[in-house]
Amino acid sequence: MRDFSALFALFQSNALVVSAVIGTFVTAEALLLFFRSRRRQSSMINGRLQMLARSNDQKAVLVELRRFRGLAADGSYSLPIASLNRLIMQSGASMPILRLTLMFALSASIVGSAVYFFTSLPFLVLPAAGAGGVVLPLLLLLAIRRRRLAALEQQIPDAIDVMIRSLRAGHPVPVAISLVAREMRDPIGSEFGMVSDEMTYGSDMSTALNNLRARSGQSDLGMLAVAISIQSETGGDLAEVLTNLSRVVRARDRMRRKIKAISAEGRASAVVLGAIPLAIFGIIRFAVPTYYTDVMKDPIFMPAVYFGIGLWTTGLLVIRRMVNFKF
């Protein structure tokens, strides 16, 4: 009983602190749920519709969407390097020339500083900074594009189903495309919205769909564009064609997920095997700072380093080819 009384007295003396802690957690959880719900609601409306809600000028919204994707006002490339402009466009990232230059410069400075900190070799700083300043931003853009393509893959079957229901209700193809633009969230909602806007302001359907295929870089959207373009020229039951296409896209998605599940062990092994040499190098560098500097003047040291880096890179490339399936 004494222990219980002492515990109760301790609780009474610290009741204010306990209440403050509980209140803080409850408030934080409420704010988290509130902002998460707001974010979920805003994600249901695509960016194009939000821009149209702020401005009724549909053509200005189209130009703004093009500029956001790294394109000029007329839809042409705005950067001199076509492959880089295509990568930025398909990633969906807004990358003006100034921001892109700053990203390359920041990556170069980070890689150069890291190489000098770990190796203390000044002659390696400039080549590493040059390579890192180019490779890291490109890897980041490739990762963003891969994520965007995965989001498109999940939305394409639903977008095709929306078009099928619209066509069977008697609507023409442009109305079905605009319905997808209104009902679907990003990224596919704004993509179809740009198609609808381009057809509204002078482009024919085939050109607008080809622009969609180029902007997205997604093979399933390419099949959709080809199917609609052929039907617009030859005629036929487009709803039936899109039904078969939806079935094919869903089957491809199931196969894609199955392949990713089967190759998950190999991809995890690639990450672990690629990280182990770097981790060992960092641990030895911090534990014994003179471990490498003591033998740095040996004539065999640098050729051995280059040979090891070459073997490490070759191993990563081989493992990537083994687990990266094209279908």
Protein backbone atom coordinates (compact mmCIF):
# COMPACT_ATOMS: atom_id res chain seq x y z
CA MET A 1 0.00 0.00 0.00
CA ARG A 2 2.90 2.31 0.74
CA ASP A 3 4.29 1.78 -2.71
CA PHE A 4 0.91 2.54 -4.27
CA SER A 5 0.49 5.70 -2.18
CA ALA A 6 3.98 6.89 -3.11
CA LEU A 7 3.27 6.24 -6.79
CA PHE A 8 -0.03 8.13 -6.57
CA ALA A 9 1.66 11.07 -4.83
CA LEU A 10 4.37 11.11 -7.50
CA PHE A 11 1.71 11.15 -10.20
CA GLN A 12 -0.11 14.03 -8.49
CA SER A 13 3.07 16.07 -8.20
CA ASN A 14 3.86 15.56 -11.88
CA ALA A 15 0.30 15.69 -13.20
CA LEU A 16 0.94 19.00 -14.97
CA VAL A 17 4.00 17.65 -16.78
CA VAL A 18 2.18 14.46 -17.80
CA SER A 19 -0.80 16.45 -19.05
CA ALA A 20 1.47 18.76 -21.03
CA VAL A 21 3.22 15.80 -22.68
CA ILE A 22 -0.06 14.07 -23.53
CA GLY A 23 -1.53 17.32 -24.82
CA THR A 24 1.52 17.91 -27.01
CA PHE A 25 1.27 14.45 -28.57
CA VAL A 26 -2.47 14.79 -29.13
CA THR A 27 -2.03 18.23 -30.71
CA ALA A 28 0.77 17.00 -32.96
CA GLU A 29 -1.32 14.01 -34.06
CA ALA A 30 -4.32 16.26 -34.78
CA LEU A 31 -2.21 18.63 -36.84
CA LEU A 32 -0.68 15.71 -38.73
CA LEU A 33 -4.08 14.26 -39.56
CA PHE A 34 -5.38 17.71 -40.58
CA PHE A 35 -2.53 18.45 -42.98
CA ARG A 36 -2.60 14.91 -44.32
CA SER A 37 -6.31 15.22 -45.11
CA ARG A 38 -5.74 18.60 -46.74
CA ARG A 39 -2.94 17.14 -48.81
CA ARG A 40 -5.10 14.17 -49.83
CA GLN A 41 -7.92 16.50 -50.89
CA SER A 42 -5.56 18.73 -52.88
CA SER A 43 -4.01 15.70 -54.58
CA MET A 44 -7.42 14.77 -55.95
CA ILE A 45 -7.34 17.95 -58.06
CA ASN A 46 -4.64 18.09 -60.68
CA GLY A 47 -2.36 21.06 -61.15
CA ARG A 48 -3.99 22.19 -64.37
CA LEU A 49 -7.41 22.53 -62.73
CA GLN A 50 -5.88 24.48 -59.87
CA MET A 51 -4.27 26.86 -62.36
CA LEU A 52 -7.56 27.22 -64.24
CA ALA A 53 -9.30 28.05 -60.95
CA ARG A 54 -6.90 30.95 -60.46
CA SER A 55 -7.00 32.11 -64.09
CA ASN A 56 -9.70 31.70 -66.71
CA ASP A 57 -7.21 32.14 -69.57
CA GLN A 58 -6.93 28.56 -70.83
CA LYS A 59 -4.20 29.36 -73.36
CA ALA A 60 -2.06 31.09 -70.72
CA VAL A 61 -2.42 28.01 -68.53
CA LEU A 62 -1.24 25.82 -71.42
CA VAL A 63 1.83 28.02 -71.94
CA GLU A 64 2.58 27.93 -68.21
CA LEU A 65 2.30 24.14 -68.14
CA ARG A 66 4.69 23.89 -71.07
CA ARG A 67 7.21 26.15 -69.39
CA PHE A 68 6.90 24.15 -66.19
CA ARG A 69 7.87 21.05 -68.19
CA GLY A 70 10.95 22.71 -69.71
CA LEU A 71 9.31 23.60 -73.03
CA ALA A 72 8.96 26.87 -74.86
CA ALA A 73 5.62 28.63 -75.29
CA ASP A 74 5.03 26.87 -78.64
CA GLY A 75 5.87 23.42 -77.25
CA SER A 76 9.42 23.16 -78.61
CA TYR A 77 12.51 22.41 -76.54
CA SER A 78 13.88 25.35 -74.57
CA LEU A 79 17.33 23.86 -73.83
CA PRO A 80 20.02 23.38 -76.49
CA ILE A 81 20.66 19.73 -75.50
CA ALA A 82 17.67 17.73 -76.72
CA SER A 83 18.32 14.62 -74.60
CA LEU A 84 18.62 16.66 -71.39
CA ASN A 85 15.50 18.64 -72.27
CA ARG A 86 13.63 15.39 -72.94
CA LEU A 87 14.74 13.98 -69.58
CA ILE A 88 13.57 17.10 -67.73
CA MET A 89 10.28 17.09 -69.63
CA GLN A 90 9.55 13.44 -68.90
CA SER A 91 10.53 13.79 -65.23
CA GLY A 92 7.91 16.50 -64.73
CA ALA A 93 10.39 18.65 -62.81
CA SER A 94 10.50 22.39 -63.31
CA MET A 95 14.12 23.07 -64.28
CA PRO A 96 14.88 26.51 -65.71
CA ILE A 97 18.41 27.05 -66.99
CA LEU A 98 19.50 28.99 -63.88
CA ARG A 99 18.21 26.32 -61.47
CA LEU A 100 19.75 23.55 -63.58
CA THR A 101 23.13 25.33 -63.60
CA LEU A 102 23.00 25.82 -59.83
CA MET A 103 22.17 22.15 -59.33
CA PHE A 104 25.16 21.06 -61.45
CA ALA A 105 27.48 23.49 -59.61
CA LEU A 106 26.24 22.38 -56.17
CA SER A 107 26.71 18.71 -57.04
CA ALA A 108 30.21 19.37 -58.34
CA SER A 109 31.22 21.24 -55.18
CA ILE A 110 29.80 18.53 -52.88
CA VAL A 111 31.52 15.69 -54.73
CA GLY A 112 34.82 17.57 -54.99
CA SER A 113 34.81 18.42 -51.27
CA ALA A 114 33.94 14.84 -50.32
CA VAL A 115 36.72 13.39 -52.50
CA TYR A 116 39.31 15.77 -51.03
CA PHE A 117 38.10 15.05 -47.47
CA PHE A 118 38.34 11.29 -47.84
CA THR A 119 41.44 10.99 -50.05
CA SER A 120 43.43 14.23 -49.49
CA LEU A 121 44.49 14.00 -53.15
CA PRO A 122 44.16 17.41 -54.86
CA PHE A 123 44.61 16.01 -58.38
CA LEU A 124 41.45 13.90 -57.96
CA VAL A 125 39.24 16.80 -56.92
CA LEU A 126 38.72 18.36 -60.35
CA PRO A 127 37.90 15.12 -62.26
CA ALA A 128 35.63 13.93 -59.44
CA ALA A 129 33.87 17.30 -59.24
CA GLY A 130 33.33 17.33 -62.99
CA ALA A 131 31.98 13.79 -63.05
CA GLY A 132 29.87 14.24 -59.93
CA GLY A 133 28.49 17.57 -61.14
CA VAL A 134 27.10 15.82 -64.20
CA VAL A 135 26.27 12.34 -62.88
CA LEU A 136 24.43 13.21 -59.65
CA PRO A 137 21.87 15.61 -61.22
CA LEU A 138 21.27 13.14 -64.05
CA LEU A 139 20.73 10.31 -61.56
CA LEU A 140 18.32 12.51 -59.63
CA LEU A 141 16.35 13.36 -62.77
CA LEU A 142 16.31 9.69 -63.79
CA ALA A 143 14.94 8.72 -60.37
CA ILE A 144 12.25 11.41 -60.58
CA ARG A 145 11.29 10.26 -64.09
CA ARG A 146 11.16 6.63 -62.96
CA ARG A 147 8.84 7.57 -60.11
CA ARG A 148 6.61 9.58 -62.44
CA LEU A 149 6.44 6.75 -64.98
CA ALA A 150 5.41 4.37 -62.20
CA ALA A 151 2.60 6.75 -61.23
CA LEU A 152 1.48 6.94 -64.86
CA GLU A 153 1.49 3.15 -65.16
CA GLN A 154 -0.96 2.90 -62.27
CA GLN A 155 -3.29 5.56 -63.66
CA ILE A 156 -3.43 4.56 -67.33
CA PRO A 157 -5.97 1.68 -66.99
CA ASP A 158 -8.36 3.89 -65.01
CA ALA A 159 -7.95 6.71 -67.54
CA ILE A 160 -8.77 4.31 -70.39
CA ASP A 161 -11.85 3.09 -68.51
CA VAL A 162 -13.03 6.69 -68.10
CA MET A 163 -12.66 7.20 -71.87
CA ILE A 164 -14.52 3.95 -72.58
CA ARG A 165 -17.49 4.98 -70.44
CA SER A 166 -17.55 8.40 -72.06
CA LEU A 167 -17.44 6.96 -75.58
CA ARG A 168 -20.21 4.45 -74.83
CA ALA A 169 -22.30 7.32 -73.49
CA GLY A 170 -22.11 8.88 -76.96
CA HIS A 171 -19.42 11.51 -76.41
CA PRO A 172 -16.79 12.24 -79.07
CA VAL A 173 -13.11 11.53 -78.47
CA PRO A 174 -12.14 15.14 -77.51
CA VAL A 175 -14.85 15.17 -74.85
CA ALA A 176 -13.61 11.81 -73.51
CA ILE A 177 -10.07 13.22 -73.30
CA SER A 178 -11.27 16.35 -71.50
CA LEU A 179 -13.24 14.14 -69.08
CA VAL A 180 -10.03 12.33 -68.12
CA ALA A 181 -8.39 15.73 -67.64
CA ARG A 182 -11.15 16.75 -65.20
CA GLU A 183 -11.62 13.50 -63.31
CA MET A 184 -8.07 12.18 -62.91
CA ARG A 185 -5.40 13.58 -60.63
CA ASP A 186 -1.81 14.26 -61.61
CA PRO A 187 0.28 13.27 -63.40
CA ILE A 188 -2.13 11.91 -65.98
CA GLY A 189 -4.79 14.55 -65.40
CA SER A 190 -2.59 17.45 -66.46
CA GLU A 191 -1.14 15.40 -69.34
CA PHE A 192 -4.59 14.83 -70.85
CA GLY A 193 -5.49 18.41 -70.02
CA MET A 194 -2.60 19.62 -72.17
CA VAL A 195 -3.84 17.36 -74.97
CA SER A 196 -7.30 18.88 -74.69
CA ASP A 197 -5.92 22.42 -74.64
CA GLU A 198 -3.69 21.78 -77.66
CA MET A 199 -6.65 20.47 -79.65
CA THR A 200 -8.66 23.52 -78.56
CA TYR A 201 -6.00 25.93 -79.82
CA GLY A 202 -5.28 24.56 -83.27
CA SER A 203 -3.50 21.20 -83.07
CA ASP A 204 -5.07 18.17 -84.68
CA MET A 205 -5.70 15.07 -82.61
CA SER A 206 -2.76 13.06 -83.94
CA THR A 207 -0.28 15.87 -83.22
CA ALA A 208 -1.64 16.42 -79.71
CA LEU A 209 -1.46 12.68 -78.96
CA ASN A 210 2.07 12.45 -80.33
CA ASN A 211 3.03 15.34 -78.04
CA LEU A 212 1.49 13.38 -75.16
CA ARG A 213 3.60 10.35 -76.00
CA ALA A 214 6.78 12.46 -76.20
CA ARG A 215 6.05 14.32 -72.94
CA SER A 216 5.28 11.21 -70.93
CA GLY A 217 7.83 8.74 -72.30
CA GLN A 218 5.47 5.95 -71.29
CA SER A 219 4.98 3.04 -73.69
CA ASP A 220 1.37 2.33 -72.68
CA LEU A 221 0.39 5.94 -73.42
CA GLY A 222 2.14 5.51 -76.75
CA MET A 223 -0.13 2.55 -77.55
CA LEU A 224 -3.15 4.62 -76.53
CA ALA A 225 -2.07 7.48 -78.79
CA VAL A 226 -1.54 5.11 -81.73
CA ALA A 227 -4.93 3.43 -81.21
CA ILE A 228 -6.83 6.73 -81.13
CA SER A 229 -4.90 8.14 -84.10
CA ILE A 230 -5.58 5.08 -86.25
CA GLN A 231 -9.26 5.05 -85.29
CA SER A 232 -9.63 8.74 -86.13
CA GLU A 233 -8.35 8.03 -89.65
CA THR A 234 -9.92 4.64 -90.40
CA GLY A 235 -13.02 4.59 -88.19
CA GLY A 236 -14.32 1.68 -86.14
CA ASP A 237 -15.49 0.95 -82.63
CA LEU A 238 -12.95 2.85 -80.52
CA ALA A 239 -14.60 1.77 -77.25
CA GLU A 240 -13.97 -1.89 -78.09
CA VAL A 241 -10.38 -1.15 -79.09
CA LEU A 242 -9.77 0.71 -75.83
CA THR A 243 -11.37 -2.13 -73.86
CA ASN A 244 -8.86 -4.57 -75.33
CA LEU A 245 -6.07 -2.07 -74.72
CA SER A 246 -7.10 -1.68 -71.08
CA ARG A 247 -6.98 -5.44 -70.68
CA VAL A 248 -3.50 -5.57 -72.19
CA VAL A 249 -2.23 -2.70 -70.01
CA ARG A 250 -3.50 -4.36 -66.85
CA ALA A 251 -1.88 -7.67 -67.85
CA ARG A 252 1.41 -5.88 -68.50
CA ASP A 253 1.18 -4.22 -65.11
CA ARG A 254 0.61 -7.57 -63.40
CA MET A 255 3.60 -9.04 -65.23
CA ARG A 256 5.71 -6.02 -64.32
CA ARG A 257 4.88 -6.37 -60.64
CA LYS A 258 5.59 -10.10 -60.72
CA ILE A 259 9.00 -9.52 -62.31
CA LYS A 260 9.85 -6.88 -59.69
CA ALA A 261 8.91 -9.29 -56.92
CA ILE A 262 11.02 -12.09 -58.40
CA SER A 263 14.05 -9.83 -58.91
CA ALA A 264 13.78 -8.09 -55.52
CA GLU A 265 16.50 -10.29 -53.98
CA GLY A 266 18.92 -9.52 -56.80
CA ARG A 267 18.29 -5.79 -56.58
CA ALA A 268 18.80 -5.84 -52.82
CA SER A 269 22.04 -7.78 -53.30
CA ALA A 270 23.22 -5.15 -55.79
CA VAL A 271 22.61 -2.38 -53.25
CA VAL A 272 24.40 -4.24 -50.45
CA LEU A 273 27.36 -5.34 -52.56
CA GLY A 274 27.72 -1.85 -53.97
CA ALA A 275 27.63 -0.20 -50.55
CA ILE A 276 30.02 -2.57 -48.74
CA PRO A 277 33.29 -1.31 -50.38
CA LEU A 278 32.33 2.31 -49.73
CA ALA A 279 31.38 1.54 -46.13
CA ILE A 280 34.65 -0.32 -45.50
CA PHE A 281 36.63 2.54 -47.03
CA GLY A 282 34.87 5.09 -44.83
CA ILE A 283 35.28 3.02 -41.65
CA ILE A 284 39.00 2.48 -42.25
CA ARG A 285 39.46 6.15 -43.14
CA PHE A 286 37.91 7.30 -39.86
CA ALA A 287 39.40 4.54 -37.68
CA VAL A 288 42.97 4.72 -39.05
CA PRO A 289 43.45 8.03 -40.90
CA THR A 290 47.01 7.13 -41.99
CA TYR A 291 46.08 3.70 -43.36
CA TYR A 292 46.03 4.91 -46.98
CA THR A 293 48.36 7.91 -46.75
CA ASP A 294 51.25 5.73 -45.58
CA VAL A 295 51.26 3.78 -48.85
CA MET A 296 50.05 6.55 -51.13
CA LYS A 297 53.53 7.17 -52.57
CA ASP A 298 53.93 3.56 -53.57
CA PRO A 299 53.85 3.32 -57.40
CA ILE A 300 51.45 0.40 -57.27
CA PHE A 301 48.92 2.17 -55.04
CA MET A 302 47.07 4.34 -57.57
CA PRO A 303 46.91 1.66 -60.33
CA ALA A 304 45.48 -0.71 -57.72
CA VAL A 305 42.91 1.93 -56.71
CA TYR A 306 41.87 2.48 -60.34
CA PHE A 307 41.71 -1.27 -60.91
CA GLY A 308 39.54 -1.76 -57.82
CA ILE A 309 37.18 1.05 -58.86
CA GLY A 310 36.92 -0.50 -62.31
CA LEU A 311 36.08 -3.93 -60.88
CA TRP A 312 33.52 -2.39 -58.53
CA THR A 313 31.85 -0.48 -61.37
CA THR A 314 31.89 -3.54 -63.64
CA GLY A 315 30.29 -5.66 -60.93
CA LEU A 316 27.51 -3.13 -60.41
CA LEU A 317 26.84 -2.95 -64.15
CA VAL A 318 26.74 -6.74 -64.47
CA ILE A 319 24.35 -7.12 -61.54
CA ARG A 320 22.17 -4.36 -62.98
CA ARG A 321 21.96 -6.16 -66.31
CA MET A 322 21.00 -9.34 -64.49
CA VAL A 323 18.10 -7.82 -62.57
CA ASN A 324 16.94 -5.11 -65.01
CA PHE A 325 14.34 -6.66 -67.30
CA LYS A 326 13.07 -4.89 -70.40
CA PHE A 327 9.50 -5.73 -71.39
